[in-house]
Protein backbone atom coordinates (compact mmCIF):
# COMPACT_ATOMS: atom_id res chain seq x y z
CA MET A 1 -0.36 0.24 0.36
CA ILE A 2 1.11 3.46 -1.18
CA ILE A 3 0.85 5.83 2.29
CA LEU A 4 0.33 9.76 0.65
CA SER A 5 0.36 11.72 4.01
CA LYS A 6 -0.18 15.22 2.39
CA LEU A 7 -2.75 13.75 -0.48
CA ASP A 8 -6.14 14.58 -0.34
CA HIS A 9 -8.38 10.99 -0.41
CA THR A 10 -11.40 12.60 -1.00
CA ASN A 11 -13.87 11.95 -4.13
CA CYS A 12 -13.32 8.76 -4.70
CA GLU A 13 -16.28 7.96 -6.39
CA VAL A 14 -14.85 10.37 -9.23
CA ARG A 15 -11.41 9.08 -8.83
CA ARG A 16 -13.20 5.72 -9.84
CA SER A 17 -14.86 7.67 -12.91
CA VAL A 18 -11.22 8.48 -13.65
CA LEU A 19 -9.78 4.92 -13.38
CA SER A 20 -12.88 3.62 -16.02
CA GLU A 21 -9.73 3.94 -18.81
CA PRO A 22 -7.71 0.73 -17.06
CA VAL A 23 -4.09 1.12 -16.56
CA LEU A 24 -2.21 -1.51 -18.71
CA ALA A 25 1.67 -1.83 -18.63
CA LYS A 26 1.19 -3.38 -22.24
CA GLN A 27 0.66 -0.69 -23.38
CA GLY A 28 4.42 0.43 -24.23
CA LEU A 29 6.52 3.06 -21.55
CA VAL A 30 4.80 6.58 -21.34
CA ASP A 31 8.06 8.56 -20.29
CA PHE A 32 7.52 11.78 -18.28
CA THR A 33 11.35 12.49 -18.01
CA SER A 34 12.42 14.12 -21.49
CA SER A 35 12.72 18.41 -21.28
CA LEU A 36 12.90 18.12 -24.83
CA TYR A 37 9.58 20.60 -24.74
CA LEU A 38 8.72 20.76 -28.13
CA GLY A 39 9.38 17.81 -29.12
CA MET A 40 12.34 18.64 -31.72
CA LEU A 41 14.08 15.35 -31.81
CA HIS A 42 16.50 16.58 -35.27
CA PRO A 43 17.34 13.09 -36.33
CA SER A 44 20.61 12.64 -38.87
CA SER A 45 18.15 12.63 -41.83
CA SER A 46 16.73 15.70 -41.26
CA LEU A 47 20.12 17.41 -40.78
CA LYS A 48 22.46 18.60 -43.79
CA PRO A 49 24.84 16.52 -43.87
CA TRP A 50 28.67 17.75 -43.18
CA SER A 51 31.71 16.44 -44.56
CA GLN A 52 33.80 16.85 -40.91
CA LEU A 53 32.24 16.73 -37.37
CA THR A 54 34.52 19.09 -35.89
CA THR A 55 37.28 21.79 -37.40
CA GLY A 56 39.59 20.48 -34.51
CA LYS A 57 40.90 24.04 -34.08
CA PRO A 58 40.12 26.17 -30.54
CA GLY A 59 37.52 28.26 -31.02
CA ALA A 60 39.38 31.54 -30.94
CA LEU A 61 41.35 30.68 -33.65
CA GLU A 62 38.57 29.84 -35.89
CA THR A 63 34.49 28.63 -36.57
CA ALA A 64 32.35 26.75 -38.96
CA PRO A 65 31.22 30.16 -41.27
CA SER A 66 27.40 29.37 -40.27
CA SER A 67 28.58 29.76 -36.09
CA GLY A 68 28.21 33.66 -36.84
CA THR A 69 24.35 33.00 -38.24
CA ILE A 70 22.93 31.71 -35.77
CA ALA A 71 24.65 33.60 -32.86
CA GLY A 72 23.39 36.13 -34.58
CA THR A 73 19.65 34.68 -34.84
CA LEU A 74 19.63 33.59 -31.53
CA ALA A 75 20.41 37.65 -30.61
CA ARG A 76 17.49 38.56 -32.30
CA LEU A 77 14.78 36.36 -31.13
CA GLN A 78 16.68 36.85 -27.28
CA GLY A 79 16.51 40.42 -27.60
CA CYS A 80 19.94 40.86 -27.37
CA GLU A 81 23.05 42.94 -30.21
CA SER A 82 25.37 40.17 -29.75
CA ALA A 83 26.02 36.36 -29.23
CA ILE A 84 28.39 33.72 -28.96
CA LEU A 85 28.47 30.11 -28.92
CA LEU A 86 29.48 27.93 -26.71
CA PRO A 87 29.64 23.91 -26.21
CA SER A 88 27.78 23.99 -22.96
CA THR A 89 26.04 26.13 -20.42
CA LEU A 90 29.04 24.98 -18.50
CA HIS A 91 31.94 26.10 -20.74
CA LEU A 92 30.06 29.05 -20.96
CA PHE A 93 29.74 30.62 -16.61
CA PHE A 94 32.92 28.97 -16.27
CA ASP A 95 34.17 32.22 -18.03
CA LEU A 96 32.00 34.87 -17.44
CA PHE A 97 32.46 35.53 -14.11
CA ALA A 98 36.05 35.20 -14.63
CA ALA A 99 35.88 37.66 -17.93
CA LEU A 100 33.22 40.02 -15.19
CA SER A 101 36.04 40.01 -12.48
CA ARG A 102 38.74 41.85 -14.57
CA SER A 103 36.54 44.90 -12.17
CA LEU A 104 35.86 44.79 -8.83
CA ILE A 105 32.60 43.24 -8.38
CA ALA A 106 30.21 40.94 -5.80
CA ILE A 107 28.04 38.57 -6.83
CA TYR A 108 24.50 37.71 -5.12
CA ALA A 109 23.66 34.36 -5.88
CA ASP A 110 20.04 33.41 -6.05
CA VAL A 111 19.56 29.87 -3.10
CA ALA A 112 17.75 28.25 -5.82
CA ALA A 113 19.84 29.70 -9.34
CA TYR A 114 21.06 26.89 -11.32
CA LYS A 115 23.61 24.69 -10.07
CA ILE A 116 25.86 25.26 -13.29
CA ALA A 117 25.63 29.26 -13.09
CA PHE A 118 26.81 29.17 -9.21
CA TRP A 119 29.61 26.87 -9.96
CA GLY A 120 30.86 29.12 -12.54
CA ALA A 121 30.38 31.84 -9.49
CA GLU A 122 31.81 29.64 -6.87
CA ARG A 123 34.81 29.43 -9.45
CA VAL A 124 35.87 33.43 -8.98
CA ALA A 125 34.44 33.30 -5.22
CA ALA A 126 37.74 30.80 -4.79
CA HIS A 127 39.56 33.89 -5.69
CA GLY A 128 38.68 35.98 -3.72
CA VAL A 129 35.45 37.42 -5.55
CA THR A 130 32.61 38.11 -3.15
CA LEU A 131 29.53 35.29 -3.65
CA ARG A 132 26.79 36.05 -0.86
CA ARG A 133 23.08 34.58 -1.26
CA ILE A 134 20.35 35.70 -1.41
CA ARG A 135 16.86 34.00 -1.60
CA HIS A 136 14.67 33.30 -4.01
CA TYR A 137 13.72 35.72 -6.64
CA ASP A 138 13.87 38.51 -3.73
CA PRO A 139 14.57 42.07 -5.48
CA ALA A 140 14.35 43.76 -1.48
CA ALA A 141 17.10 40.51 0.22
CA ALA A 142 19.13 42.00 -2.94
CA GLN A 143 19.41 45.31 -2.90
CA ARG A 144 20.08 45.03 1.08
CA ALA A 145 22.79 42.76 0.68
CA ILE A 146 24.12 45.34 -2.40
CA ALA A 147 24.02 48.34 -0.02
CA GLU A 148 26.04 46.59 2.91
CA ASP A 149 28.49 46.23 0.39
CA GLU A 150 28.47 49.66 -1.10
CA ARG A 151 31.21 50.94 1.04
CA PHE A 152 33.84 48.08 -0.45
CA GLY A 153 33.01 50.01 -4.18
CA THR A 154 32.08 46.82 -6.00
CA ARG A 155 29.92 46.51 -9.19
CA PRO A 156 26.93 43.77 -8.50
CA VAL A 157 26.20 41.15 -10.52
CA ILE A 158 23.05 39.37 -9.24
CA VAL A 159 22.49 35.67 -10.95
CA ALA A 160 19.01 34.46 -10.69
CA ASP A 161 17.25 31.81 -13.47
CA GLY A 162 15.37 33.44 -15.59
CA PHE A 163 12.55 31.06 -15.49
CA CYS A 164 11.77 28.66 -11.81
CA PRO A 165 9.97 25.38 -12.60
CA GLU A 166 9.51 25.03 -9.34
CA CYS A 167 7.81 28.00 -8.03
CA GLY A 168 6.00 28.69 -11.61
CA ARG A 169 7.59 33.11 -11.80
CA PRO A 170 9.16 34.52 -13.78
CA ALA A 171 12.85 36.44 -12.64
CA PRO A 172 11.87 39.51 -10.94
CA LEU A 173 14.16 41.22 -13.99
CA PRO A 174 12.77 45.11 -13.43
CA ALA A 175 13.40 45.63 -9.92
CA TYR A 176 16.85 43.29 -9.99
CA LEU A 177 17.94 46.03 -12.95
CA GLN A 178 16.36 48.75 -10.66
CA CYS A 179 19.15 47.04 -8.16
CA VAL A 180 22.52 46.86 -10.45
CA ILE A 181 22.04 50.22 -12.82
CA PRO A 182 22.77 53.05 -10.13
CA TYR A 183 26.21 50.93 -9.65
CA GLY A 184 27.24 49.60 -13.22
CA GLY A 185 25.98 45.78 -12.84
CA TYR A 186 24.53 43.41 -13.94
CA VAL A 187 21.75 40.85 -13.98
CA VAL A 188 23.07 37.13 -15.49
CA LEU A 189 20.21 35.08 -16.36
CA ASP A 190 20.68 31.14 -16.60
CA ASP A 191 17.62 31.42 -19.55
CA THR A 192 17.94 27.80 -20.78
CA GLN A 193 14.33 27.06 -19.13
CA ALA A 194 12.95 30.04 -20.86
CA LEU A 195 14.17 29.93 -23.66
CA GLY A 196 11.52 28.19 -26.49
CA ILE A 197 8.89 29.15 -24.34
CA TRP A 198 8.47 31.99 -23.14
CA GLY A 199 7.91 35.08 -25.58
CA SER A 200 6.02 38.61 -26.06
CA SER A 201 2.66 39.71 -25.15
CA PRO A 202 1.60 36.28 -23.61
CA SER A 203 -2.46 36.50 -23.96
CA SER A 204 -5.71 33.86 -23.90
CA ASP A 205 -4.56 32.16 -27.85
CA ARG A 206 -1.37 32.81 -27.04
CA PRO A 207 -0.35 31.53 -23.75
CA TYR A 208 2.97 31.34 -24.01
CA GLY A 209 3.41 34.81 -25.97
CA SER A 210 5.16 34.01 -29.29
CA GLY A 211 8.49 33.75 -30.92
CA GLY A 212 9.52 31.15 -27.98
CA GLY A 213 12.69 34.27 -27.31
CA GLY A 214 12.81 33.57 -23.55
CA SER A 215 13.04 36.10 -21.21
CA LEU A 216 13.55 39.46 -22.15
CA GLN A 217 10.82 38.80 -24.86
CA LEU A 218 8.71 37.84 -22.11
CA HIS A 219 9.31 41.10 -19.50
CA GLY A 220 9.40 43.64 -22.76
CA ILE A 221 13.21 44.76 -21.89
CA ARG A 222 16.11 45.60 -23.97
CA SER A 223 19.37 46.63 -21.90
CA PRO A 224 22.47 46.56 -21.77
CA GLN A 225 23.03 45.61 -18.50
CA VAL A 226 21.10 41.40 -18.90
CA ILE A 227 23.36 39.24 -19.86
CA LEU A 228 22.18 35.41 -20.83
CA GLY A 229 23.20 32.23 -20.66
CA SER A 230 21.61 29.46 -22.06
CA SER A 231 20.83 26.23 -23.54
CA LEU A 232 19.20 25.47 -26.46
CA ALA A 233 18.82 21.75 -25.07
CA LYS A 234 15.51 21.72 -23.86
CA GLY A 235 13.26 24.03 -25.75
CA PHE A 236 14.90 23.65 -29.15
CA GLY A 237 16.43 19.94 -28.54
CA VAL A 238 20.33 20.90 -29.28
CA PRO A 239 23.45 20.48 -26.51
CA LEU A 240 24.83 23.47 -27.05
CA ALA A 241 24.63 27.36 -25.35
CA ALA A 242 25.06 31.07 -25.94
CA ILE A 243 26.08 33.64 -24.17
CA CYS A 244 23.67 36.70 -25.47
CA GLY A 245 23.61 40.42 -24.60
CA SER A 246 25.47 43.57 -25.49
CA GLU A 247 27.86 43.91 -28.46
CA ARG A 248 30.29 45.14 -25.37
CA ILE A 249 29.93 42.34 -22.88
CA VAL A 250 30.34 40.09 -25.78
CA GLU A 251 33.40 41.61 -27.31
CA LEU A 252 34.27 41.38 -23.70
CA PHE A 253 33.74 37.48 -23.36
CA ARG A 254 35.14 36.16 -26.33
CA GLN A 255 38.57 38.47 -25.57
CA ARG A 256 38.63 36.98 -22.44
CA SER A 257 37.27 33.80 -22.31
CA GLU A 258 39.60 30.87 -21.51
CA THR A 259 37.35 27.73 -23.10
CA LEU A 260 37.21 29.59 -26.37
CA VAL A 261 41.24 29.46 -26.51
CA HIS A 262 41.06 26.10 -25.14
CA SER A 263 38.54 24.06 -26.48
CA SER A 264 36.91 23.16 -29.20
CA ALA A 265 33.85 25.22 -30.69
CA PRO A 266 30.24 23.44 -31.66
CA SER A 267 30.78 20.89 -33.63
CA ILE A 268 28.99 21.12 -37.37
CA ALA A 269 26.91 18.51 -36.26
CA LEU A 270 24.88 21.16 -33.32
CA LEU A 271 25.19 23.80 -35.40
CA HIS A 272 23.06 21.97 -38.30
CA ALA A 273 20.75 20.96 -35.79
CA ALA A 274 20.49 24.69 -34.26
CA GLU A 275 20.33 26.42 -37.49
CA ARG A 276 16.97 23.27 -38.16
CA ALA A 277 15.50 24.43 -34.60
CA LEU A 278 15.33 28.25 -35.08
CA ARG A 279 14.10 27.43 -38.77
CA ILE A 280 11.61 24.60 -37.02
CA ASN A 281 10.39 27.90 -34.22
CA ALA A 282 10.38 30.77 -36.78
CA TYR A 283 7.34 28.95 -38.69
CA GLN A 284 6.19 26.26 -36.31
CA GLY A 285 7.02 27.39 -32.64
CA ASP A 286 4.09 29.02 -31.57
CA ASN A 287 1.92 26.27 -32.96
CA LEU A 288 3.86 23.85 -30.92
CA ARG A 289 3.24 26.52 -27.70
CA LEU A 290 0.04 26.37 -28.11
CA GLN A 291 -0.14 22.46 -28.55
CA LEU A 292 1.84 22.46 -25.62
CA ALA A 293 0.02 24.29 -23.20
CA LYS A 294 -3.55 22.64 -24.34
CA LEU A 295 -1.68 19.66 -22.98
CA VAL A 296 -0.49 21.21 -19.80
CA ARG A 297 -3.86 22.64 -19.17
CA HIS A 298 -5.14 18.82 -19.98
CA PHE A 299 -2.62 17.37 -17.32
CA SER A 300 -3.99 19.73 -14.80
CA LYS A 301 -7.95 19.36 -15.45
CA ARG A 302 -7.50 15.52 -14.72
CA LEU A 303 -5.43 15.81 -12.08
CA ARG A 304 -7.95 17.53 -9.99
CA LEU A 305 -9.99 14.88 -10.98
CA ILE A 306 -9.02 13.14 -8.34
CA GLY A 307 -7.96 15.36 -5.36
CA LEU A 308 -4.42 16.36 -6.95
CA ARG A 309 -2.89 19.58 -7.35
CA ASP A 310 0.05 20.32 -9.69
CA SER A 311 2.60 23.78 -10.38
CA GLU A 312 0.89 27.31 -10.58
CA GLY A 313 0.80 28.72 -13.97
CA LEU A 314 1.28 26.92 -17.58
CA PHE A 315 5.30 25.82 -17.41
CA PRO A 316 5.48 22.46 -18.71
CA VAL A 317 7.79 21.32 -15.59
CA ARG A 318 4.54 20.20 -13.40
CA MET A 319 5.51 19.31 -9.93
CA ILE A 320 2.81 17.82 -7.64
CA ALA A 321 4.31 18.34 -3.78
CA LEU A 322 4.32 15.25 -1.15
CA GLY A 323 4.64 15.20 2.22
CA ARG A 324 7.57 12.59 2.61
CA GLU A 325 10.65 11.49 0.25
CA ALA A 326 9.27 7.58 0.93
CA ASP A 327 5.31 9.18 -0.66
CA ALA A 328 7.84 10.33 -3.62
CA LEU A 329 9.76 7.61 -3.73
CA SER A 330 6.99 4.69 -3.63
CA LEU A 331 4.18 6.29 -6.32
CA LYS A 332 6.76 6.53 -8.10
CA ARG A 333 7.78 2.86 -8.10
CA PHE A 334 4.36 2.47 -8.37
CA LEU A 335 3.95 4.83 -11.64
CA GLY A 336 6.58 2.31 -13.06
CA ARG A 337 4.38 -0.71 -12.36
CA ALA A 338 1.85 0.89 -14.77
CA ALA A 339 4.62 1.73 -17.50
CA VAL A 340 4.90 5.48 -16.07
CA ARG A 341 8.26 6.92 -15.90
CA THR A 342 8.63 9.85 -13.42
CA ALA A 343 10.98 11.40 -11.53
CA VAL A 344 11.50 12.98 -7.74
CA VAL A 345 13.23 16.01 -6.82
CA ARG A 346 13.74 17.80 -3.59
CA GLY A 347 12.97 21.05 -3.87
CA ARG A 348 15.00 24.03 -3.99
CA THR A 349 12.63 26.49 -3.55
CA SER A 350 10.78 24.40 -0.24
CA ALA A 351 11.47 21.69 1.58
CA LEU A 352 8.73 19.54 0.23
CA THR A 353 10.30 16.67 -2.18
CA LYS A 354 8.28 16.50 -5.21
CA LEU A 355 6.69 13.95 -7.84
CA VAL A 356 7.93 15.32 -11.60
CA PHE A 357 5.87 15.34 -14.66
CA LEU A 358 7.86 17.00 -17.82
CA ILE A 359 4.79 17.29 -20.15
CA ASN A 360 5.92 17.68 -24.03
CA VAL A 361 4.18 17.82 -27.59
CA SER A 362 5.20 14.28 -28.24
CA HIS A 363 2.86 13.74 -25.69
CA SER A 364 -0.93 12.77 -26.58
CA VAL A 365 -4.07 13.24 -24.73
CA ALA A 366 -4.37 9.19 -24.28
CA ASP A 367 -0.70 9.67 -22.92
CA ILE A 368 -1.64 12.24 -20.05
CA ASP A 369 -4.75 9.98 -19.64
CA ARG A 370 -2.53 7.04 -18.79
CA ALA A 371 -0.94 8.90 -16.34
CA THR A 372 -3.47 10.30 -14.56
CA ALA A 373 -5.08 7.07 -14.18
CA ALA A 374 -2.63 5.34 -12.99
CA LEU A 375 -2.09 7.77 -10.03
CA ALA A 376 -5.70 7.67 -9.11
CA GLU A 377 -5.13 4.19 -9.15
CA ALA A 378 -1.85 4.71 -6.41
CA MET A 379 -4.11 6.88 -4.26
CA MET A 380 -6.92 3.91 -3.80
CA ASP A 381 -4.56 0.60 -3.38
């Protein structure tokens, strides 16, 4: 028996009606652990051929001709002046804070910021740069910390995720900018989750907005004080990264980057996949996002029928908070026996353990009905 200490066990008749469509493991696995939100898979047959995978040269010496074109397209999509492509966000954040620390900076990192960005901040902290943690999406806390350090004459750099899947909120970017602009500082956003999903001017017919350009487009902001570090691996299905910002910042990064000198540039295959992803986004992206929103809404509606609630908003990472880790793991195992794959995470913004479903456009309504029927069965067991 699965004991779910924090779940509502009422409405049993409703749950029985949800179970009228039996959960059959023999139907095949339904996987809710992939973050390929827009379903972009990029099989090799869909890509332009390549005569070699890499130039064999470091990124500082030579990049493929298409690299600059892709970077320019990404910069425009995200609302920035310029961009550089890198193999990963680890390369990106390894270099970014080192480049910024040539001047006297202090870093104020959101406690829930993604680990890879924080690792880059820790690297420069080991060399003497002030690094402070601030409460999640709390501009007032950031302002207080910056004011306390004002006597040191440092330039503040706030680090956060552009969108938090756990709490379902975008970063308070306008308020963060008010904190740093008086000091000539920066807001650095890891915009991986937002890129490909959020865009400009969300509305009832386009709930994620238009374009999929990420946080700057969502907020309608253009600022040289914002630096975006993003992976294309989630929304666009391509494991490469881009730093986007003002021409001055991107050129500063280019001049001071160590990974551009000591690492290869992104492979030709990845560049071809990025070209394809951006082309799909331009012509079909908004329709894919609308399809995704409909699936997320259907999932939340089905959960409510069995007395459960998931994350606020429409982001495709859906989390169900549970009282104990043992509850989450037991429920995950039960779903696994019903051929429904999920994940369990420990919260970064709360102490609760959460069962996670990642919705993407490759799912069908029937997949979601199977998953929620399995949840209902678990609660009745």
